[in-house]
Amino acid sequence: MSHATTPAHPAAADPPAARSPLRWLPGWLRPGWSRLPGHQPRPAGRGRPVKLRDGSKVLIRQVQPADAALVADGFTRLSPRSRQMRFLTRKKGLSDAELRYFTDVDHHDHEALAALNHADGRGVGIARYIRHADDPHAAEVAITIVDDWQGRGLGTELMARLSDRARREGIHRFTALVAEDNVAVHGMLRKAEANLVHRESATAEYQITMPNSDSASPLVA
């Protein structure tokens, strides 16, 4: 895919491993700007509580600009391997520019959903899509779960709710670029009936075609 992009963070930060809209900041995704004439960023929804398969509870809601500290805290609780799996490169921290990018989203071309621990309010997972510059009906997706919340089914819950949001914004397909040794995400994508469309030595690319749905999103109620 070809994108007219600029880095999402200063040159001093670790460079992204792939030219991907989830690791680079396309000009048309700058805060307050959309590819659609007249479109304005939308307010975030209130969210809803979800009970996971192990009985633990989270609140899943749309990310807001005020969540920068929440995202930064979640990043510190990722192991070096989890950071490598998410960003496809070694990463020690998130810059201020990256935190703005990850939290100042328009909920249309760029959506992000956060999962908060019902017990203490800390972030335990996040899922986002970013619409492709060359295909308005497709978006790249990424899901990150802090290490001590992995294996509880949270990734599957986030994926389902992100898919619902994407359908409502006119997105029909997700793509995902995954590290070759990220066994958990490969398994989740296979359960979602994703198709493997490209494979290299270190990464695999999947595509998910989403069925139509007329149901209303509980995250914006």
Protein backbone atom coordinates (compact mmCIF):
# COMPACT_ATOMS: atom_id res chain seq x y z
CA MET A 1 0.00 0.00 0.00
CA SER A 2 1.19 3.48 -0.76
CA HIS A 3 0.52 6.33 1.63
CA ALA A 4 1.59 9.98 1.61
CA THR A 5 2.74 10.05 5.21
CA THR A 6 4.86 11.84 7.75
CA PRO A 7 6.26 10.35 10.96
CA ALA A 8 3.85 10.26 13.91
CA HIS A 9 6.69 11.12 16.27
CA PRO A 10 9.94 13.11 16.35
CA ALA A 11 13.03 11.69 14.70
CA ALA A 12 14.53 10.89 18.09
CA ALA A 13 11.94 8.17 18.69
CA ASP A 14 12.37 4.61 17.43
CA PRO A 15 11.50 4.42 13.69
CA PRO A 16 8.51 2.29 12.66
CA ALA A 17 9.25 -1.10 11.15
CA ALA A 18 6.70 -0.87 8.36
CA ARG A 19 4.99 1.87 6.36
CA SER A 20 1.67 1.34 8.02
CA PRO A 21 -1.09 3.79 8.96
CA LEU A 22 -0.92 2.42 12.50
CA ARG A 23 2.77 3.36 12.80
CA TRP A 24 2.88 6.49 10.64
CA LEU A 25 0.66 9.59 10.66
CA PRO A 26 -1.07 10.22 7.31
CA GLY A 27 -1.68 13.92 6.70
CA TRP A 28 -5.42 13.31 6.26
CA LEU A 29 -5.59 11.87 9.81
CA ARG A 30 -4.27 14.95 11.59
CA PRO A 31 -6.63 15.95 14.44
CA GLY A 32 -9.65 17.88 13.20
CA TRP A 33 -9.23 16.89 9.55
CA SER A 34 -11.07 14.21 7.60
CA ARG A 35 -11.07 12.95 4.04
CA LEU A 36 -14.81 13.60 3.85
CA PRO A 37 -15.84 17.23 3.11
CA GLY A 38 -17.68 18.79 6.01
CA HIS A 39 -16.89 15.95 8.43
CA GLN A 40 -16.00 17.01 11.97
CA PRO A 41 -14.54 14.88 14.79
CA ARG A 42 -17.26 13.19 16.85
CA PRO A 43 -17.61 13.18 20.64
CA ALA A 44 -16.66 9.95 22.38
CA GLY A 45 -19.39 7.67 23.69
CA ARG A 46 -19.85 6.69 27.33
CA GLY A 47 -19.10 2.99 26.87
CA ARG A 48 -20.49 -0.11 28.56
CA PRO A 49 -19.38 -2.72 31.13
CA VAL A 50 -18.33 -6.16 29.87
CA LYS A 51 -17.80 -9.38 31.84
CA LEU A 52 -14.94 -11.50 30.52
CA ARG A 53 -14.82 -15.29 30.45
CA ASP A 54 -12.80 -15.47 33.70
CA GLY A 55 -15.38 -13.32 35.51
CA SER A 56 -13.34 -10.11 35.53
CA LYS A 57 -15.09 -6.90 34.45
CA VAL A 58 -14.00 -4.05 32.22
CA LEU A 59 -15.54 -0.90 30.82
CA ILE A 60 -15.05 -0.58 27.06
CA ARG A 61 -15.38 2.95 25.72
CA GLN A 62 -14.06 5.22 23.00
CA VAL A 63 -10.70 6.86 23.63
CA GLN A 64 -10.70 10.59 24.40
CA PRO A 65 -7.93 13.25 24.20
CA ALA A 66 -7.77 13.28 28.02
CA ASP A 67 -6.67 9.61 27.98
CA ALA A 68 -3.00 10.32 27.20
CA ALA A 69 -1.91 9.49 30.76
CA LEU A 70 -4.03 6.31 30.68
CA VAL A 71 -2.36 5.17 27.46
CA ALA A 72 1.11 6.03 28.78
CA ASP A 73 0.44 4.01 31.95
CA GLY A 74 -0.74 1.04 29.92
CA PHE A 75 2.40 1.14 27.80
CA THR A 76 4.61 0.93 30.91
CA ARG A 77 2.83 -2.31 31.83
CA LEU A 78 3.65 -3.99 28.52
CA SER A 79 6.62 -6.33 28.54
CA PRO A 80 9.40 -5.68 26.02
CA ARG A 81 8.07 -8.61 23.98
CA SER A 82 4.52 -7.23 23.96
CA ARG A 83 5.85 -3.87 22.78
CA GLN A 84 7.78 -5.61 20.03
CA MET A 85 4.66 -7.51 18.97
CA ARG A 86 2.59 -4.31 18.79
CA PHE A 87 5.03 -1.94 17.09
CA LEU A 88 7.14 -4.53 15.21
CA THR A 89 10.27 -2.88 16.61
CA ARG A 90 11.92 -2.31 19.98
CA LYS A 91 10.24 0.57 21.77
CA LYS A 92 11.11 2.09 25.14
CA GLY A 93 8.37 4.70 25.44
CA LEU A 94 5.76 6.87 23.74
CA SER A 95 6.53 10.47 22.85
CA ASP A 96 4.11 13.33 23.51
CA ALA A 97 3.39 13.46 19.77
CA GLU A 98 2.55 9.75 19.72
CA LEU A 99 0.27 10.07 22.75
CA ARG A 100 -1.61 12.89 21.03
CA TYR A 101 -1.91 10.78 17.88
CA PHE A 102 -3.17 7.74 19.79
CA THR A 103 -5.77 9.68 21.81
CA ASP A 104 -6.91 12.64 19.66
CA VAL A 105 -8.99 10.54 17.26
CA ASP A 106 -12.01 11.59 15.17
CA HIS A 107 -14.02 8.34 15.68
CA HIS A 108 -14.54 8.09 11.92
CA ASP A 109 -11.30 7.70 9.95
CA HIS A 110 -9.47 6.82 13.17
CA GLU A 111 -11.24 4.98 15.98
CA ALA A 112 -9.81 3.69 19.24
CA LEU A 113 -11.54 1.74 22.02
CA ALA A 114 -10.09 1.42 25.51
CA ALA A 115 -10.80 -1.29 28.07
CA LEU A 116 -10.59 -0.12 31.68
CA ASN A 117 -10.28 -2.37 34.72
CA HIS A 118 -13.63 -2.10 36.51
CA ALA A 119 -11.85 -2.40 39.87
CA ASP A 120 -9.32 0.44 39.61
CA GLY A 121 -10.00 2.30 36.35
CA ARG A 122 -6.58 1.57 34.83
CA GLY A 123 -6.31 0.79 31.14
CA VAL A 124 -5.85 -2.89 30.34
CA GLY A 125 -6.34 -2.98 26.55
CA ILE A 126 -6.87 -0.88 23.48
CA ALA A 127 -8.06 -1.56 19.95
CA ARG A 128 -7.93 0.84 17.01
CA TYR A 129 -8.49 1.07 13.32
CA ILE A 130 -7.16 3.63 10.85
CA ARG A 131 -8.79 3.96 7.47
CA HIS A 132 -6.52 3.29 4.49
CA ALA A 133 -5.62 6.37 2.45
CA ASP A 134 -6.14 4.55 -0.86
CA ASP A 135 -9.29 2.61 0.05
CA PRO A 136 -11.98 4.33 2.16
CA HIS A 137 -13.75 1.01 2.77
CA ALA A 138 -10.71 -0.64 4.39
CA ALA A 139 -8.79 0.03 7.59
CA GLU A 140 -5.81 -1.39 9.41
CA VAL A 141 -6.53 -2.78 12.86
CA ALA A 142 -4.36 -3.35 15.93
CA ILE A 143 -5.19 -4.65 19.39
CA THR A 144 -2.95 -4.44 22.46
CA ILE A 145 -3.61 -6.09 25.83
CA VAL A 146 -1.40 -5.54 28.90
CA ASP A 147 0.42 -8.72 29.84
CA ASP A 148 -1.47 -9.66 33.01
CA TRP A 149 -4.83 -9.37 31.19
CA GLN A 150 -3.92 -11.56 28.23
CA GLY A 151 -5.71 -14.89 27.85
CA ARG A 152 -9.04 -13.70 29.30
CA GLY A 153 -10.86 -13.06 26.03
CA LEU A 154 -10.46 -9.28 26.14
CA GLY A 155 -8.91 -9.12 22.68
CA THR A 156 -11.92 -10.91 21.19
CA GLU A 157 -14.34 -8.52 22.95
CA LEU A 158 -12.45 -5.47 21.70
CA MET A 159 -12.31 -6.86 18.17
CA ALA A 160 -16.07 -7.42 18.10
CA ARG A 161 -16.84 -3.89 19.27
CA LEU A 162 -14.30 -2.29 16.98
CA SER A 163 -15.79 -4.19 14.03
CA ASP A 164 -19.22 -2.81 14.90
CA ARG A 165 -17.87 0.73 15.02
CA ALA A 166 -16.08 0.25 11.70
CA ARG A 167 -19.21 -1.00 9.92
CA ARG A 168 -21.12 2.06 11.10
CA GLU A 169 -18.41 4.29 9.59
CA GLY A 170 -18.52 2.60 6.18
CA ILE A 171 -15.57 0.24 6.58
CA HIS A 172 -16.06 -3.22 5.06
CA ARG A 173 -12.61 -4.79 5.52
CA PHE A 174 -9.90 -4.87 8.14
CA THR A 175 -6.25 -5.57 7.42
CA ALA A 176 -3.76 -6.54 10.11
CA LEU A 177 0.02 -6.69 9.96
CA VAL A 178 1.17 -9.21 12.58
CA ALA A 179 4.58 -10.35 13.76
CA GLU A 180 5.19 -13.89 12.55
CA ASP A 181 5.73 -15.18 16.10
CA ASN A 182 2.68 -13.46 17.64
CA VAL A 183 0.82 -16.72 18.23
CA ALA A 184 -2.05 -15.19 20.23
CA VAL A 185 -3.03 -12.65 17.56
CA HIS A 186 -2.69 -15.19 14.75
CA GLY A 187 -5.11 -17.42 16.64
CA MET A 188 -7.57 -14.59 17.29
CA LEU A 189 -7.56 -13.60 13.62
CA ARG A 190 -8.15 -17.18 12.50
CA LYS A 191 -11.15 -17.37 14.85
CA ALA A 192 -12.41 -14.17 13.18
CA GLU A 193 -12.14 -16.00 9.82
CA ALA A 194 -9.38 -13.70 8.60
CA ASN A 195 -7.64 -14.61 5.35
CA LEU A 196 -3.86 -14.69 5.16
CA VAL A 197 -3.03 -12.52 2.13
CA HIS A 198 0.73 -11.98 2.39
CA ARG A 199 3.63 -13.39 4.37
CA GLU A 200 7.23 -12.30 4.79
CA SER A 201 10.04 -13.58 7.00
CA ALA A 202 9.01 -11.52 10.05
CA THR A 203 5.38 -10.53 9.42
CA ALA A 204 2.08 -11.80 8.05
CA GLU A 205 -0.77 -9.70 6.67
CA TYR A 206 -4.39 -10.72 7.13
CA GLN A 207 -7.65 -9.41 5.71
CA ILE A 208 -11.05 -9.66 7.41
CA THR A 209 -14.25 -9.06 5.47
CA MET A 210 -16.96 -7.96 7.87
CA PRO A 211 -20.60 -8.96 7.41
CA ASN A 212 -23.23 -6.25 7.21
CA SER A 213 -24.94 -5.35 10.47
CA ASP A 214 -27.80 -2.99 11.19
CA SER A 215 -27.41 -3.17 14.96
CA ALA A 216 -26.68 0.05 16.82
CA SER A 217 -23.33 0.45 18.51
CA PRO A 218 -23.64 0.29 22.32
CA LEU A 219 -20.52 2.43 22.65
CA VAL A 220 -22.19 5.57 21.33
CA ALA A 221 -25.57 5.17 22.98
